[in-house]
PDB file of N, CA and C in Angstrom:
ATOM      1  N   UNK A   1    -151.989  67.595  41.410  1.00  0.00           N
ATOM      2  CA  UNK A   1    -153.279  68.062  40.923  1.00  0.00           C
ATOM      3  C   UNK A   1    -153.369  67.795  39.418  1.00  0.00           C
ATOM      4  N   UNK A   2    -154.509  67.247  38.962  1.00  0.00           N
ATOM      5  CA  UNK A   2    -154.646  66.945  37.538  1.00  0.00           C
ATOM      6  C   UNK A   2    -154.612  68.197  36.671  1.00  0.00           C
ATOM      7  N   UNK A   3    -154.165  68.040  35.450  1.00  0.00           N
ATOM      8  CA  UNK A   3    -154.165  69.129  34.479  1.00  0.00           C
ATOM      9  C   UNK A   3    -155.611  69.479  34.148  1.00  0.00           C
ATOM     10  N   UNK A   4    -155.995  70.743  34.277  1.00  0.00           N
ATOM     11  CA  UNK A   4    -157.367  71.173  34.057  1.00  0.00           C
ATOM     12  C   UNK A   4    -157.859  70.829  32.648  1.00  0.00           C
ATOM     13  N   UNK A   5    -156.968  70.802  31.677  1.00  0.00           N
ATOM     14  CA  UNK A   5    -157.363  70.500  30.309  1.00  0.00           C
ATOM     15  C   UNK A   5    -157.699  69.024  30.102  1.00  0.00           C
ATOM     16  N   UNK A   6    -157.445  68.196  31.088  1.00  0.00           N
ATOM     17  CA  UNK A   6    -157.709  66.773  30.962  1.00  0.00           C
ATOM     18  C   UNK A   6    -158.695  66.253  32.006  1.00  0.00           C
ATOM     19  N   UNK A   7    -159.451  67.133  32.614  1.00  0.00           N
ATOM     20  CA  UNK A   7    -160.442  66.701  33.590  1.00  0.00           C
ATOM     21  C   UNK A   7    -161.647  66.113  32.881  1.00  0.00           C
ATOM     22  N   UNK A   8    -162.351  65.243  33.568  1.00  0.00           N
ATOM     23  CA  UNK A   8    -163.601  64.730  33.031  1.00  0.00           C
ATOM     24  C   UNK A   8    -164.616  64.655  34.168  1.00  0.00           C
ATOM     25  N   UNK A   9    -165.874  64.768  33.798  1.00  0.00           N
ATOM     26  CA  UNK A   9    -166.968  64.711  34.754  1.00  0.00           C
ATOM     27  C   UNK A   9    -167.746  63.437  34.462  1.00  0.00           C
ATOM     28  N   UNK A  10    -167.619  62.461  35.328  1.00  0.00           N
ATOM     29  CA  UNK A  10    -168.318  61.194  35.150  1.00  0.00           C
ATOM     30  C   UNK A  10    -169.739  61.330  35.682  1.00  0.00           C
ATOM     31  N   UNK A  11    -170.684  60.733  34.974  1.00  0.00           N
ATOM     32  CA  UNK A  11    -172.084  60.859  35.357  1.00  0.00           C
ATOM     33  C   UNK A  11    -172.854  59.633  34.877  1.00  0.00           C
ATOM     34  N   UNK A  12    -173.902  59.299  35.598  1.00  0.00           N
ATOM     35  CA  UNK A  12    -174.769  58.187  35.185  1.00  0.00           C
ATOM     36  C   UNK A  12    -176.251  58.559  35.291  1.00  0.00           C
ATOM     37  N   UNK A  13    -176.545  59.862  35.281  1.00  0.00           N
ATOM     38  CA  UNK A  13    -177.926  60.327  35.363  1.00  0.00           C
ATOM     39  C   UNK A  13    -178.504  60.344  33.950  1.00  0.00           C
ATOM     40  N   UNK A  14    -179.196  59.268  33.597  1.00  0.00           N
ATOM     41  CA  UNK A  14    -179.662  59.072  32.230  1.00  0.00           C
ATOM     42  C   UNK A  14    -180.712  60.091  31.783  1.00  0.00           C
ATOM     43  N   UNK A  15    -181.379  60.773  32.706  1.00  0.00           N
ATOM     44  CA  UNK A  15    -182.397  61.745  32.335  1.00  0.00           C
ATOM     45  C   UNK A  15    -181.825  63.136  32.049  1.00  0.00           C
ATOM     46  N   UNK A  16    -180.513  63.332  32.225  1.00  0.00           N
ATOM     47  CA  UNK A  16    -179.910  64.651  31.991  1.00  0.00           C
ATOM     48  C   UNK A  16    -179.502  64.811  30.524  1.00  0.00           C
ATOM     49  N   UNK A  17    -179.832  65.957  29.940  1.00  0.00           N
ATOM     50  CA  UNK A  17    -179.521  66.188  28.529  1.00  0.00           C
ATOM     51  C   UNK A  17    -178.024  66.313  28.262  1.00  0.00           C
ATOM     52  N   UNK A  18    -177.207  66.545  29.289  1.00  0.00           N
ATOM     53  CA  UNK A  18    -175.773  66.722  29.096  1.00  0.00           C
ATOM     54  C   UNK A  18    -174.988  65.411  29.113  1.00  0.00           C
ATOM     55  N   UNK A  19    -175.654  64.312  29.458  1.00  0.00           N
ATOM     56  CA  UNK A  19    -174.978  63.023  29.549  1.00  0.00           C
ATOM     57  C   UNK A  19    -174.649  62.469  28.170  1.00  0.00           C
ATOM     58  N   UNK A  20    -173.384  62.106  27.981  1.00  0.00           N
ATOM     59  CA  UNK A  20    -172.960  61.372  26.791  1.00  0.00           C
ATOM     60  C   UNK A  20    -173.016  59.905  27.196  1.00  0.00           C
ATOM     61  N   UNK A  21    -174.171  59.284  26.984  1.00  0.00           N
ATOM     62  CA  UNK A  21    -174.440  57.953  27.527  1.00  0.00           C
ATOM     63  C   UNK A  21    -173.408  56.908  27.129  1.00  0.00           C
ATOM     64  N   UNK A  22    -172.961  56.924  25.897  1.00  0.00           N
ATOM     65  CA  UNK A  22    -172.026  55.898  25.460  1.00  0.00           C
ATOM     66  C   UNK A  22    -170.692  55.979  26.206  1.00  0.00           C
ATOM     67  N   UNK A  23    -170.345  57.160  26.710  1.00  0.00           N
ATOM     68  CA  UNK A  23    -169.094  57.321  27.450  1.00  0.00           C
ATOM     69  C   UNK A  23    -169.297  57.429  28.953  1.00  0.00           C
ATOM     70  N   UNK A  24    -170.532  57.670  29.409  1.00  0.00           N
ATOM     71  CA  UNK A  24    -170.778  57.863  30.829  1.00  0.00           C
ATOM     72  C   UNK A  24    -170.174  59.154  31.344  1.00  0.00           C
ATOM     73  N   UNK A  25    -170.107  60.168  30.476  1.00  0.00           N
ATOM     74  CA  UNK A  25    -169.498  61.444  30.827  1.00  0.00           C
ATOM     75  C   UNK A  25    -170.481  62.586  30.624  1.00  0.00           C
ATOM     76  N   UNK A  26    -170.301  63.646  31.407  1.00  0.00           N
ATOM     77  CA  UNK A  26    -171.073  64.871  31.247  1.00  0.00           C
ATOM     78  C   UNK A  26    -170.447  65.681  30.115  1.00  0.00           C
ATOM     79  N   UNK A  27    -171.278  66.243  29.239  1.00  0.00           N
ATOM     80  CA  UNK A  27    -170.798  67.031  28.113  1.00  0.00           C
ATOM     81  C   UNK A  27    -170.431  68.461  28.467  1.00  0.00           C
ATOM     82  N   UNK A  28    -170.698  68.898  29.695  1.00  0.00           N
ATOM     83  CA  UNK A  28    -170.371  70.262  30.099  1.00  0.00           C
ATOM     84  C   UNK A  28    -168.901  70.392  30.477  1.00  0.00           C
ATOM     85  N   UNK A  29    -168.332  71.580  30.324  1.00  0.00           N
ATOM     86  CA  UNK A  29    -166.952  71.830  30.739  1.00  0.00           C
ATOM     87  C   UNK A  29    -166.828  71.894  32.254  1.00  0.00           C
ATOM     88  N   UNK A  30    -167.900  72.309  32.922  1.00  0.00           N
ATOM     89  CA  UNK A  30    -167.908  72.378  34.381  1.00  0.00           C
ATOM     90  C   UNK A  30    -169.341  72.204  34.861  1.00  0.00           C
ATOM     91  N   UNK A  31    -169.507  71.860  36.126  1.00  0.00           N
ATOM     92  CA  UNK A  31    -170.826  71.733  36.722  1.00  0.00           C
ATOM     93  C   UNK A  31    -170.855  72.504  38.032  1.00  0.00           C
ATOM     94  N   UNK A  32    -172.045  72.912  38.420  1.00  0.00           N
ATOM     95  CA  UNK A  32    -172.251  73.596  39.694  1.00  0.00           C
ATOM     96  C   UNK A  32    -172.872  72.606  40.655  1.00  0.00           C
ATOM     97  N   UNK A  33    -172.260  72.380  41.799  1.00  0.00           N
ATOM     98  CA  UNK A  33    -172.781  71.495  42.829  1.00  0.00           C
ATOM     99  C   UNK A  33    -173.290  72.365  43.976  1.00  0.00           C
ATOM    100  N   UNK A  34    -174.472  72.040  44.496  1.00  0.00           N
ATOM    101  CA  UNK A  34    -175.072  72.842  45.562  1.00  0.00           C
ATOM    102  C   UNK A  34    -175.653  71.929  46.637  1.00  0.00           C
ATOM    103  N   UNK A  35    -175.780  72.439  47.866  1.00  0.00           N
ATOM    104  CA  UNK A  35    -176.416  71.648  48.914  1.00  0.00           C
ATOM    105  C   UNK A  35    -177.913  71.519  48.621  1.00  0.00           C
ATOM    106  N   UNK A  36    -178.484  70.421  49.050  1.00  0.00           N
ATOM    107  CA  UNK A  36    -179.926  70.235  48.908  1.00  0.00           C
ATOM    108  C   UNK A  36    -180.632  70.835  50.123  1.00  0.00           C
ATOM    109  N   UNK A  37    -181.945  70.991  50.056  1.00  0.00           N
ATOM    110  CA  UNK A  37    -182.663  71.484  51.226  1.00  0.00           C
ATOM    111  C   UNK A  37    -182.495  70.561  52.442  1.00  0.00           C
ATOM    112  N   UNK A  38    -182.191  69.284  52.192  1.00  0.00           N
ATOM    113  CA  UNK A  38    -182.026  68.319  53.276  1.00  0.00           C
ATOM    114  C   UNK A  38    -180.561  68.163  53.710  1.00  0.00           C
ATOM    115  N   UNK A  39    -179.685  69.064  53.253  1.00  0.00           N
ATOM    116  CA  UNK A  39    -178.267  68.971  53.591  1.00  0.00           C
ATOM    117  C   UNK A  39    -178.078  68.911  55.107  1.00  0.00           C
ATOM    118  N   UNK A  40    -177.016  68.280  55.493  1.00  0.00           N
ATOM    119  CA  UNK A  40    -176.633  68.121  56.904  1.00  0.00           C
ATOM    120  C   UNK A  40    -177.469  67.075  57.630  1.00  0.00           C
ATOM    121  N   UNK A  41    -178.188  66.224  56.880  1.00  0.00           N
ATOM    122  CA  UNK A  41    -178.965  65.163  57.513  1.00  0.00           C
ATOM    123  C   UNK A  41    -178.076  63.982  57.896  1.00  0.00           C
ATOM    124  N   UNK A  42    -176.891  63.918  57.272  1.00  0.00           N
ATOM    125  CA  UNK A  42    -175.999  62.799  57.512  1.00  0.00           C
ATOM    126  C   UNK A  42    -176.134  61.711  56.461  1.00  0.00           C
ATOM    127  N   UNK A  43    -177.217  61.725  55.686  1.00  0.00           N
ATOM    128  CA  UNK A  43    -177.419  60.753  54.615  1.00  0.00           C
ATOM    129  C   UNK A  43    -176.739  61.299  53.356  1.00  0.00           C
ATOM    130  N   UNK A  44    -175.760  60.580  52.782  1.00  0.00           N
ATOM    131  CA  UNK A  44    -175.054  61.078  51.604  1.00  0.00           C
ATOM    132  C   UNK A  44    -175.987  61.473  50.452  1.00  0.00           C
ATOM    133  N   UNK A  45    -177.101  60.784  50.297  1.00  0.00           N
ATOM    134  CA  UNK A  45    -178.034  61.105  49.214  1.00  0.00           C
ATOM    135  C   UNK A  45    -178.716  62.462  49.412  1.00  0.00           C
ATOM    136  N   UNK A  46    -178.713  62.976  50.618  1.00  0.00           N
ATOM    137  CA  UNK A  46    -179.364  64.253  50.920  1.00  0.00           C
ATOM    138  C   UNK A  46    -178.416  65.448  50.893  1.00  0.00           C
ATOM    139  N   UNK A  47    -177.134  65.236  50.763  1.00  0.00           N
ATOM    140  CA  UNK A  47    -176.175  66.312  50.974  1.00  0.00           C
ATOM    141  C   UNK A  47    -176.000  67.284  49.810  1.00  0.00           C
ATOM    142  N   UNK A  48    -175.924  66.796  48.576  1.00  0.00           N
ATOM    143  CA  UNK A  48    -175.663  67.703  47.466  1.00  0.00           C
ATOM    144  C   UNK A  48    -176.317  67.214  46.184  1.00  0.00           C
ATOM    145  N   UNK A  49    -176.388  68.126  45.213  1.00  0.00           N
ATOM    146  CA  UNK A  49    -176.956  67.777  43.909  1.00  0.00           C
ATOM    147  C   UNK A  49    -176.327  68.634  42.830  1.00  0.00           C
ATOM    148  N   UNK A  50    -176.396  68.165  41.603  1.00  0.00           N
ATOM    149  CA  UNK A  50    -175.843  68.897  40.464  1.00  0.00           C
ATOM    150  C   UNK A  50    -176.818  69.984  40.062  1.00  0.00           C
ATOM    151  N   UNK A  51    -176.422  71.227  40.194  1.00  0.00           N
ATOM    152  CA  UNK A  51    -177.279  72.351  39.815  1.00  0.00           C
ATOM    153  C   UNK A  51    -177.258  72.593  38.308  1.00  0.00           C
ATOM    154  N   UNK A  52    -176.371  71.910  37.578  1.00  0.00           N
ATOM    155  CA  UNK A  52    -176.263  72.052  36.131  1.00  0.00           C
ATOM    156  C   UNK A  52    -177.182  71.086  35.385  1.00  0.00           C
ATOM    157  N   UNK A  53    -177.901  70.252  36.111  1.00  0.00           N
ATOM    158  CA  UNK A  53    -178.809  69.263  35.518  1.00  0.00           C
ATOM    159  C   UNK A  53    -179.908  69.924  34.706  1.00  0.00           C
ATOM    160  N   UNK A  54    -180.158  69.369  33.532  1.00  0.00           N
ATOM    161  CA  UNK A  54    -181.306  69.758  32.706  1.00  0.00           C
ATOM    162  C   UNK A  54    -181.931  68.493  32.159  1.00  0.00           C
ATOM    163  N   UNK A  55    -183.225  68.345  32.336  1.00  0.00           N
ATOM    164  CA  UNK A  55    -183.939  67.164  31.855  1.00  0.00           C
ATOM    165  C   UNK A  55    -183.927  67.138  30.325  1.00  0.00           C
ATOM    166  N   UNK A  56    -183.837  65.929  29.769  1.00  0.00           N
ATOM    167  CA  UNK A  56    -183.864  65.780  28.292  1.00  0.00           C
ATOM    168  C   UNK A  56    -185.181  66.244  27.742  1.00  0.00           C
TER     169      UNK A  56
END
């Protein structure tokens, strides 16, 4: 298991205010992931989303 002090959250959602675009990393220490209303559809795009997202 990786050392918690060296974890990173990779992200490419350019509209999120937490994205450090030059590094492709989320600036938050942790994120909350939640099921979407369409969860369990079988389509990976419908299963979960970042609840920590904030628009720029």
